[in-house]
Amino acid sequence: MFKKLAGFLIFILTLTILVIPHNAIAASSSAVTSTFESKDLSAEDFSGKNLQLAEFTKVKLEGANLSNADLRGSVFNGVMAENINLSGADFTNGLAYVTNFDNADLTDSILREAIMLRSTFNHAKIKGADFTQAVLDNQQIIELCKYADGINSKTGASTRQSLGCP
């Protein structure tokens, strides 16, 4: 009895998969990502652009303008981002690995829940930046806390508190 029931269920399942048409699911334009790899994008203007889920790998972004850009979920991997302008940008849930943000302008940016390991922020401007639940190397947090101040205009978070400064 059990073998007949199991055989019948397998037959119905196979018939369902092979015969009954299924709707196709296509990606919407908002799900399409931009990929930049091994390019020199120094001084490019991406200000105000929607770059959600964009991937920057081994890219030079020195002096680039990404102010007020939507970078939620974006990836920066091995990026040279020295002197980059990220003021007002939203990098929530972003990933920055081995990226140089030295002398970057992160004023009033949102870096919530971003993972930014093995990345440097020497002399970065962070007034009003929101680092709530962001993951950074401890040494970088210690350095950033030396001059962290301000309140983020969009989230209301204190830069010092969001970094966990004493």
N, C-alpha and C. Protein backbone atom coordinates (compact mmCIF):
# COMPACT_ATOMS: atom_id res chain seq x y z
N MET A 1 0.82 -1.20 0.00
CA MET A 1 0.00 0.00 0.00
C MET A 1 0.86 1.26 0.00
N PHE A 2 1.89 1.28 0.86
CA PHE A 2 2.77 2.44 0.96
C PHE A 2 3.52 2.67 -0.36
N LYS A 3 3.99 1.59 -1.01
CA LYS A 3 4.72 1.71 -2.26
C LYS A 3 3.83 2.29 -3.35
N LYS A 4 2.57 1.89 -3.39
CA LYS A 4 1.64 2.43 -4.38
C LYS A 4 1.39 3.92 -4.15
N LEU A 5 1.22 4.31 -2.88
CA LEU A 5 0.98 5.70 -2.54
C LEU A 5 2.21 6.56 -2.87
N ALA A 6 3.40 6.08 -2.54
CA ALA A 6 4.64 6.80 -2.84
C ALA A 6 4.82 6.94 -4.35
N GLY A 7 4.54 5.88 -5.10
CA GLY A 7 4.65 5.92 -6.56
C GLY A 7 3.68 6.92 -7.15
N PHE A 8 2.45 6.94 -6.63
CA PHE A 8 1.45 7.88 -7.10
C PHE A 8 1.87 9.32 -6.82
N LEU A 9 2.42 9.61 -5.63
CA LEU A 9 2.87 10.95 -5.28
C LEU A 9 4.04 11.39 -6.16
N ILE A 10 4.95 10.50 -6.47
CA ILE A 10 6.07 10.83 -7.36
C ILE A 10 5.54 11.14 -8.76
N PHE A 11 4.56 10.35 -9.22
CA PHE A 11 3.95 10.59 -10.53
C PHE A 11 3.31 11.98 -10.57
N ILE A 12 2.54 12.33 -9.55
CA ILE A 12 1.85 13.64 -9.49
C ILE A 12 2.89 14.77 -9.45
N LEU A 13 3.93 14.62 -8.66
CA LEU A 13 4.96 15.63 -8.56
C LEU A 13 5.67 15.83 -9.91
N THR A 14 6.01 14.74 -10.57
CA THR A 14 6.66 14.81 -11.88
C THR A 14 5.75 15.47 -12.89
N LEU A 15 4.49 15.11 -12.89
CA LEU A 15 3.52 15.70 -13.80
C LEU A 15 3.39 17.20 -13.56
N THR A 16 3.37 17.58 -12.30
CA THR A 16 3.25 19.00 -11.94
C THR A 16 4.45 19.79 -12.45
N ILE A 17 5.63 19.25 -12.29
CA ILE A 17 6.85 19.96 -12.71
C ILE A 17 6.95 20.04 -14.23
N LEU A 18 6.63 18.96 -14.94
CA LEU A 18 6.83 18.90 -16.38
C LEU A 18 5.69 19.45 -17.21
N VAL A 19 4.48 19.31 -16.77
CA VAL A 19 3.33 19.64 -17.60
C VAL A 19 2.73 21.02 -17.30
N ILE A 20 2.59 21.35 -16.04
CA ILE A 20 1.92 22.60 -15.69
C ILE A 20 2.88 23.77 -15.90
N PRO A 21 2.49 24.78 -16.68
CA PRO A 21 3.38 25.92 -16.93
C PRO A 21 3.59 26.72 -15.65
N HIS A 22 4.80 27.25 -15.51
CA HIS A 22 5.15 28.07 -14.36
C HIS A 22 5.49 29.47 -14.84
N ASN A 23 5.19 30.44 -14.01
CA ASN A 23 5.51 31.83 -14.36
C ASN A 23 7.01 32.05 -14.29
N ALA A 24 7.52 32.77 -15.24
CA ALA A 24 8.92 33.14 -15.21
C ALA A 24 9.08 34.38 -14.34
N ILE A 25 10.17 34.43 -13.61
CA ILE A 25 10.44 35.58 -12.76
C ILE A 25 11.67 36.28 -13.32
N ALA A 26 11.49 37.50 -13.76
CA ALA A 26 12.60 38.26 -14.32
C ALA A 26 13.08 39.28 -13.31
N ALA A 27 14.35 39.61 -13.37
CA ALA A 27 14.90 40.62 -12.48
C ALA A 27 14.41 41.99 -12.92
N SER A 28 14.06 42.80 -11.93
CA SER A 28 13.66 44.16 -12.26
C SER A 28 14.91 45.00 -12.46
N SER A 29 14.75 46.17 -13.04
CA SER A 29 15.90 47.03 -13.28
C SER A 29 16.58 47.44 -11.98
N SER A 30 15.83 47.48 -10.88
CA SER A 30 16.44 47.85 -9.61
C SER A 30 17.30 46.72 -9.06
N ALA A 31 17.15 45.51 -9.58
CA ALA A 31 17.96 44.39 -9.10
C ALA A 31 19.23 44.21 -9.93
N VAL A 32 19.36 44.93 -11.02
CA VAL A 32 20.53 44.82 -11.86
C VAL A 32 21.66 45.60 -11.22
N THR A 33 22.83 44.98 -11.10
CA THR A 33 23.94 45.65 -10.44
C THR A 33 24.95 46.15 -11.44
N SER A 34 25.69 47.16 -11.02
CA SER A 34 26.79 47.68 -11.81
C SER A 34 28.07 47.03 -11.29
N THR A 35 28.91 46.59 -12.20
CA THR A 35 30.17 45.99 -11.81
C THR A 35 31.31 46.78 -12.45
N PHE A 36 32.22 47.22 -11.58
CA PHE A 36 33.39 47.95 -12.04
C PHE A 36 34.61 47.17 -11.56
N GLU A 37 35.43 46.71 -12.48
CA GLU A 37 36.57 45.90 -12.10
C GLU A 37 37.84 46.39 -12.80
N SER A 38 38.87 46.56 -11.99
CA SER A 38 40.20 46.95 -12.49
C SER A 38 40.14 48.15 -13.43
N LYS A 39 39.39 49.18 -13.01
CA LYS A 39 39.26 50.39 -13.82
C LYS A 39 39.81 51.58 -13.06
N ASP A 40 40.18 52.60 -13.78
CA ASP A 40 40.58 53.85 -13.17
C ASP A 40 39.40 54.82 -13.30
N LEU A 41 38.71 55.01 -12.19
CA LEU A 41 37.55 55.91 -12.15
C LEU A 41 37.86 57.14 -11.31
N SER A 42 39.14 57.45 -11.21
CA SER A 42 39.56 58.62 -10.43
C SER A 42 38.85 59.87 -10.94
N ALA A 43 38.39 60.67 -9.98
CA ALA A 43 37.73 61.95 -10.26
C ALA A 43 36.40 61.83 -11.01
N GLU A 44 35.87 60.63 -11.14
CA GLU A 44 34.55 60.46 -11.78
C GLU A 44 33.46 61.05 -10.89
N ASP A 45 32.36 61.49 -11.49
CA ASP A 45 31.24 62.06 -10.74
C ASP A 45 30.08 61.09 -10.71
N PHE A 46 29.90 60.47 -9.55
CA PHE A 46 28.77 59.57 -9.32
C PHE A 46 27.81 60.19 -8.31
N SER A 47 27.90 61.49 -8.10
CA SER A 47 27.09 62.14 -7.07
C SER A 47 25.60 61.94 -7.32
N GLY A 48 24.89 61.55 -6.24
CA GLY A 48 23.44 61.36 -6.31
C GLY A 48 22.99 60.14 -7.09
N LYS A 49 23.89 59.33 -7.56
CA LYS A 49 23.53 58.15 -8.38
C LYS A 49 23.03 57.00 -7.52
N ASN A 50 22.17 56.17 -8.11
CA ASN A 50 21.73 54.94 -7.46
C ASN A 50 22.72 53.84 -7.84
N LEU A 51 23.55 53.48 -6.89
CA LEU A 51 24.55 52.44 -7.10
C LEU A 51 24.33 51.29 -6.11
N GLN A 52 23.07 51.03 -5.80
CA GLN A 52 22.76 49.93 -4.89
C GLN A 52 23.33 48.63 -5.46
N LEU A 53 23.98 47.88 -4.60
CA LEU A 53 24.55 46.57 -4.93
C LEU A 53 25.69 46.64 -5.96
N ALA A 54 26.21 47.83 -6.23
CA ALA A 54 27.32 47.96 -7.17
C ALA A 54 28.55 47.25 -6.61
N GLU A 55 29.37 46.74 -7.50
CA GLU A 55 30.59 46.05 -7.09
C GLU A 55 31.80 46.77 -7.68
N PHE A 56 32.67 47.24 -6.80
CA PHE A 56 33.90 47.90 -7.20
C PHE A 56 35.05 47.00 -6.76
N THR A 57 35.76 46.40 -7.69
CA THR A 57 36.85 45.49 -7.37
C THR A 57 38.14 45.98 -8.02
N LYS A 58 39.15 46.22 -7.19
CA LYS A 58 40.46 46.69 -7.65
C LYS A 58 40.32 47.92 -8.55
N VAL A 59 39.50 48.87 -8.08
CA VAL A 59 39.21 50.08 -8.83
C VAL A 59 39.92 51.27 -8.18
N LYS A 60 40.36 52.21 -8.99
CA LYS A 60 40.88 53.47 -8.48
C LYS A 60 39.74 54.48 -8.48
N LEU A 61 39.36 54.93 -7.29
CA LEU A 61 38.32 55.94 -7.15
C LEU A 61 38.88 57.20 -6.49
N GLU A 62 40.16 57.41 -6.61
CA GLU A 62 40.80 58.55 -5.95
C GLU A 62 40.17 59.86 -6.43
N GLY A 63 39.70 60.64 -5.45
CA GLY A 63 39.12 61.93 -5.77
C GLY A 63 37.75 61.86 -6.44
N ALA A 64 37.17 60.69 -6.51
CA ALA A 64 35.84 60.55 -7.14
C ALA A 64 34.76 61.18 -6.24
N ASN A 65 33.68 61.61 -6.85
CA ASN A 65 32.58 62.23 -6.13
C ASN A 65 31.39 61.26 -6.09
N LEU A 66 31.17 60.69 -4.90
CA LEU A 66 30.02 59.82 -4.69
C LEU A 66 29.11 60.44 -3.62
N SER A 67 29.15 61.75 -3.50
CA SER A 67 28.32 62.42 -2.50
C SER A 67 26.85 62.16 -2.78
N ASN A 68 26.12 61.90 -1.71
CA ASN A 68 24.67 61.63 -1.76
C ASN A 68 24.30 60.45 -2.65
N ALA A 69 25.25 59.57 -2.93
CA ALA A 69 24.97 58.37 -3.73
C ALA A 69 24.30 57.31 -2.86
N ASP A 70 23.46 56.50 -3.49
CA ASP A 70 22.83 55.38 -2.81
C ASP A 70 23.70 54.15 -3.05
N LEU A 71 24.50 53.81 -2.06
CA LEU A 71 25.45 52.70 -2.16
C LEU A 71 25.04 51.54 -1.27
N ARG A 72 23.77 51.46 -0.92
CA ARG A 72 23.32 50.39 -0.02
C ARG A 72 23.64 49.02 -0.62
N GLY A 73 24.32 48.19 0.19
CA GLY A 73 24.66 46.84 -0.24
C GLY A 73 25.80 46.76 -1.23
N SER A 74 26.46 47.86 -1.49
CA SER A 74 27.57 47.86 -2.45
C SER A 74 28.82 47.21 -1.87
N VAL A 75 29.73 46.83 -2.76
CA VAL A 75 30.97 46.16 -2.36
C VAL A 75 32.15 46.96 -2.90
N PHE A 76 33.08 47.27 -2.00
CA PHE A 76 34.36 47.88 -2.37
C PHE A 76 35.42 46.86 -1.97
N ASN A 77 36.08 46.25 -2.92
CA ASN A 77 37.08 45.22 -2.63
C ASN A 77 38.42 45.63 -3.26
N GLY A 78 39.38 45.93 -2.37
CA GLY A 78 40.69 46.34 -2.87
C GLY A 78 40.66 47.64 -3.62
N VAL A 79 39.85 48.59 -3.15
CA VAL A 79 39.65 49.86 -3.86
C VAL A 79 40.57 50.94 -3.29
N MET A 80 41.14 51.73 -4.16
CA MET A 80 41.92 52.90 -3.77
C MET A 80 40.95 54.07 -3.81
N ALA A 81 40.44 54.44 -2.63
CA ALA A 81 39.42 55.48 -2.53
C ALA A 81 39.93 56.70 -1.76
N GLU A 82 41.20 56.95 -1.86
CA GLU A 82 41.79 58.10 -1.18
C GLU A 82 41.18 59.38 -1.73
N ASN A 83 40.88 60.31 -0.83
CA ASN A 83 40.29 61.61 -1.18
C ASN A 83 38.92 61.50 -1.84
N ILE A 84 38.23 60.39 -1.67
CA ILE A 84 36.90 60.21 -2.24
C ILE A 84 35.89 61.06 -1.47
N ASN A 85 34.87 61.55 -2.14
CA ASN A 85 33.81 62.32 -1.49
C ASN A 85 32.59 61.41 -1.35
N LEU A 86 32.35 60.97 -0.12
CA LEU A 86 31.17 60.15 0.20
C LEU A 86 30.23 60.91 1.13
N SER A 87 30.33 62.22 1.16
CA SER A 87 29.47 62.99 2.06
C SER A 87 28.01 62.77 1.71
N GLY A 88 27.21 62.48 2.73
CA GLY A 88 25.78 62.25 2.53
C GLY A 88 25.43 60.95 1.86
N ALA A 89 26.41 60.11 1.53
CA ALA A 89 26.14 58.84 0.85
C ALA A 89 25.56 57.82 1.85
N ASP A 90 24.80 56.88 1.34
CA ASP A 90 24.23 55.81 2.17
C ASP A 90 24.89 54.50 1.78
N PHE A 91 25.77 54.01 2.67
CA PHE A 91 26.52 52.77 2.46
C PHE A 91 26.01 51.69 3.42
N THR A 92 24.74 51.76 3.80
CA THR A 92 24.14 50.78 4.70
C THR A 92 24.30 49.38 4.12
N ASN A 93 24.69 48.44 4.98
CA ASN A 93 24.89 47.03 4.59
C ASN A 93 25.94 46.85 3.51
N GLY A 94 26.82 47.83 3.36
CA GLY A 94 27.89 47.73 2.38
C GLY A 94 29.05 46.89 2.90
N LEU A 95 29.93 46.55 2.00
CA LEU A 95 31.13 45.79 2.33
C LEU A 95 32.33 46.50 1.73
N ALA A 96 33.29 46.85 2.57
CA ALA A 96 34.54 47.43 2.10
C ALA A 96 35.66 46.59 2.69
N TYR A 97 36.42 45.95 1.84
CA TYR A 97 37.50 45.08 2.29
C TYR A 97 38.80 45.53 1.62
N VAL A 98 39.82 45.72 2.43
CA VAL A 98 41.13 46.17 1.95
C VAL A 98 40.96 47.41 1.05
N THR A 99 40.28 48.39 1.59
CA THR A 99 40.02 49.62 0.84
C THR A 99 40.63 50.80 1.58
N ASN A 100 41.23 51.70 0.83
CA ASN A 100 41.90 52.87 1.38
C ASN A 100 40.96 54.07 1.30
N PHE A 101 40.40 54.46 2.46
CA PHE A 101 39.55 55.64 2.55
C PHE A 101 40.31 56.81 3.18
N ASP A 102 41.63 56.82 3.07
CA ASP A 102 42.42 57.89 3.66
C ASP A 102 42.04 59.23 3.04
N ASN A 103 41.89 60.24 3.91
CA ASN A 103 41.51 61.60 3.50
C ASN A 103 40.14 61.66 2.82
N ALA A 104 39.32 60.65 3.02
CA ALA A 104 37.97 60.63 2.43
C ALA A 104 37.04 61.58 3.18
N ASP A 105 36.04 62.09 2.51
CA ASP A 105 35.02 62.92 3.14
C ASP A 105 33.78 62.04 3.37
N LEU A 106 33.60 61.63 4.62
CA LEU A 106 32.46 60.80 5.01
C LEU A 106 31.44 61.62 5.81
N THR A 107 31.52 62.93 5.70
CA THR A 107 30.64 63.82 6.44
C THR A 107 29.16 63.46 6.19
N ASP A 108 28.44 63.25 7.29
CA ASP A 108 26.99 62.98 7.25
C ASP A 108 26.62 61.73 6.43
N SER A 109 27.57 60.83 6.25
CA SER A 109 27.27 59.58 5.51
C SER A 109 26.65 58.55 6.45
N ILE A 110 25.99 57.57 5.87
CA ILE A 110 25.37 56.49 6.64
C ILE A 110 26.11 55.20 6.30
N LEU A 111 26.73 54.63 7.33
CA LEU A 111 27.52 53.41 7.15
C LEU A 111 26.97 52.31 8.07
N ARG A 112 25.68 52.33 8.30
CA ARG A 112 25.05 51.38 9.22
C ARG A 112 25.23 49.95 8.74
N GLU A 113 25.61 49.09 9.67
CA GLU A 113 25.76 47.66 9.43
C GLU A 113 26.70 47.34 8.28
N ALA A 114 27.58 48.28 7.95
CA ALA A 114 28.58 48.02 6.91
C ALA A 114 29.73 47.23 7.52
N ILE A 115 30.34 46.39 6.73
CA ILE A 115 31.52 45.65 7.16
C ILE A 115 32.69 46.26 6.41
N MET A 116 33.62 46.83 7.18
CA MET A 116 34.73 47.56 6.57
C MET A 116 36.06 47.10 7.19
N LEU A 117 36.36 45.84 7.02
CA LEU A 117 37.56 45.26 7.61
C LEU A 117 38.77 45.45 6.72
N ARG A 118 39.93 45.57 7.38
CA ARG A 118 41.21 45.77 6.71
C ARG A 118 41.18 47.00 5.79
N SER A 119 40.34 47.96 6.16
CA SER A 119 40.24 49.22 5.42
C SER A 119 40.77 50.33 6.31
N THR A 120 41.34 51.36 5.69
CA THR A 120 41.90 52.46 6.47
C THR A 120 41.13 53.75 6.25
N PHE A 121 41.12 54.58 7.29
CA PHE A 121 40.38 55.84 7.29
C PHE A 121 41.26 56.98 7.82
N ASN A 122 42.55 56.94 7.56
CA ASN A 122 43.47 57.95 8.08
C ASN A 122 43.07 59.34 7.59
N HIS A 123 42.89 60.25 8.56
CA HIS A 123 42.55 61.65 8.29
C HIS A 123 41.22 61.82 7.55
N ALA A 124 40.34 60.85 7.64
CA ALA A 124 39.02 60.97 7.00
C ALA A 124 38.16 61.96 7.78
N LYS A 125 37.31 62.67 7.06
CA LYS A 125 36.36 63.60 7.69
C LYS A 125 35.11 62.79 8.00
N ILE A 126 34.77 62.69 9.29
CA ILE A 126 33.65 61.82 9.68
C ILE A 126 32.58 62.56 10.48
N LYS A 127 32.60 63.87 10.48
CA LYS A 127 31.61 64.62 11.25
C LYS A 127 30.20 64.24 10.81
N GLY A 128 29.39 63.77 11.76
CA GLY A 128 28.01 63.40 11.47
C GLY A 128 27.84 62.05 10.80
N ALA A 129 28.92 61.29 10.62
CA ALA A 129 28.80 59.97 9.99
C ALA A 129 28.15 59.00 10.98
N ASP A 130 27.31 58.12 10.48
CA ASP A 130 26.61 57.14 11.32
C ASP A 130 27.22 55.76 11.06
N PHE A 131 27.96 55.24 12.06
CA PHE A 131 28.60 53.94 11.98
C PHE A 131 27.85 52.88 12.80
N THR A 132 26.57 53.08 13.06
CA THR A 132 25.80 52.16 13.91
C THR A 132 25.93 50.72 13.42
N GLN A 133 26.38 49.85 14.31
CA GLN A 133 26.56 48.41 14.07
C GLN A 133 27.48 48.10 12.89
N ALA A 134 28.33 49.06 12.52
CA ALA A 134 29.33 48.80 11.47
C ALA A 134 30.48 48.01 12.09
N VAL A 135 31.16 47.24 11.26
CA VAL A 135 32.28 46.43 11.73
C VAL A 135 33.56 46.99 11.10
N LEU A 136 34.44 47.50 11.96
CA LEU A 136 35.73 48.04 11.53
C LEU A 136 36.81 47.39 12.39
N ASP A 137 38.05 47.43 11.92
CA ASP A 137 39.16 46.97 12.73
C ASP A 137 39.28 47.86 13.96
N ASN A 138 39.60 47.24 15.11
CA ASN A 138 39.67 47.99 16.36
C ASN A 138 40.61 49.18 16.28
N GLN A 139 41.76 49.03 15.65
CA GLN A 139 42.71 50.14 15.54
C GLN A 139 42.10 51.32 14.79
N GLN A 140 41.31 51.05 13.77
CA GLN A 140 40.66 52.13 13.02
C GLN A 140 39.63 52.84 13.90
N ILE A 141 38.89 52.09 14.70
CA ILE A 141 37.91 52.70 15.61
C ILE A 141 38.61 53.62 16.60
N ILE A 142 39.72 53.15 17.17
CA ILE A 142 40.48 53.96 18.12
C ILE A 142 40.93 55.27 17.48
N GLU A 143 41.43 55.20 16.27
CA GLU A 143 41.88 56.40 15.57
C GLU A 143 40.72 57.33 15.23
N LEU A 144 39.61 56.77 14.74
CA LEU A 144 38.46 57.60 14.38
C LEU A 144 37.85 58.28 15.61
N CYS A 145 37.89 57.60 16.74
CA CYS A 145 37.32 58.17 17.98
C CYS A 145 38.09 59.40 18.46
N LYS A 146 39.32 59.55 18.01
CA LYS A 146 40.12 60.71 18.43
C LYS A 146 39.51 62.03 17.95
N TYR A 147 38.78 61.99 16.84
CA TYR A 147 38.19 63.23 16.33
C TYR A 147 36.73 63.08 15.90
N ALA A 148 36.08 62.02 16.33
CA ALA A 148 34.67 61.79 15.98
C ALA A 148 33.77 62.79 16.69
N ASP A 149 32.87 63.42 15.92
CA ASP A 149 31.87 64.30 16.52
C ASP A 149 30.73 64.50 15.52
N GLY A 150 29.69 65.10 16.00
CA GLY A 150 28.56 65.43 15.13
C GLY A 150 27.42 64.44 15.22
N ILE A 151 26.30 64.85 14.64
CA ILE A 151 25.07 64.06 14.60
C ILE A 151 24.66 63.92 13.14
N ASN A 152 24.31 62.72 12.73
CA ASN A 152 23.88 62.49 11.35
C ASN A 152 22.52 63.16 11.12
N SER A 153 22.40 63.94 10.05
CA SER A 153 21.18 64.70 9.79
C SER A 153 19.99 63.83 9.41
N LYS A 154 20.24 62.63 8.90
CA LYS A 154 19.13 61.75 8.47
C LYS A 154 18.72 60.76 9.55
N THR A 155 19.69 60.18 10.26
CA THR A 155 19.39 59.13 11.24
C THR A 155 19.34 59.65 12.67
N GLY A 156 19.94 60.83 12.92
CA GLY A 156 19.99 61.38 14.27
C GLY A 156 21.02 60.71 15.17
N ALA A 157 21.84 59.84 14.60
CA ALA A 157 22.85 59.11 15.39
C ALA A 157 24.08 59.97 15.62
N SER A 158 24.62 59.87 16.81
CA SER A 158 25.87 60.52 17.16
C SER A 158 27.03 59.72 16.58
N THR A 159 27.96 60.40 15.94
CA THR A 159 29.12 59.71 15.37
C THR A 159 29.90 58.99 16.46
N ARG A 160 30.16 59.65 17.58
CA ARG A 160 30.92 59.04 18.68
C ARG A 160 30.21 57.80 19.22
N GLN A 161 28.91 57.91 19.45
CA GLN A 161 28.16 56.75 19.98
C GLN A 161 28.09 55.63 18.97
N SER A 162 27.91 55.95 17.71
CA SER A 162 27.79 54.90 16.70
C SER A 162 29.09 54.13 16.52
N LEU A 163 30.23 54.79 16.81
CA LEU A 163 31.53 54.12 16.76
C LEU A 163 31.84 53.36 18.04
N GLY A 164 31.07 53.65 19.10
CA GLY A 164 31.32 53.02 20.39
C GLY A 164 32.50 53.67 21.12
N CYS A 165 32.71 54.97 20.86
CA CYS A 165 33.81 55.69 21.49
C CYS A 165 33.54 55.84 22.99
N PRO A 166 34.62 55.79 23.79
CA PRO A 166 34.45 55.99 25.25
C PRO A 166 34.05 57.42 25.58
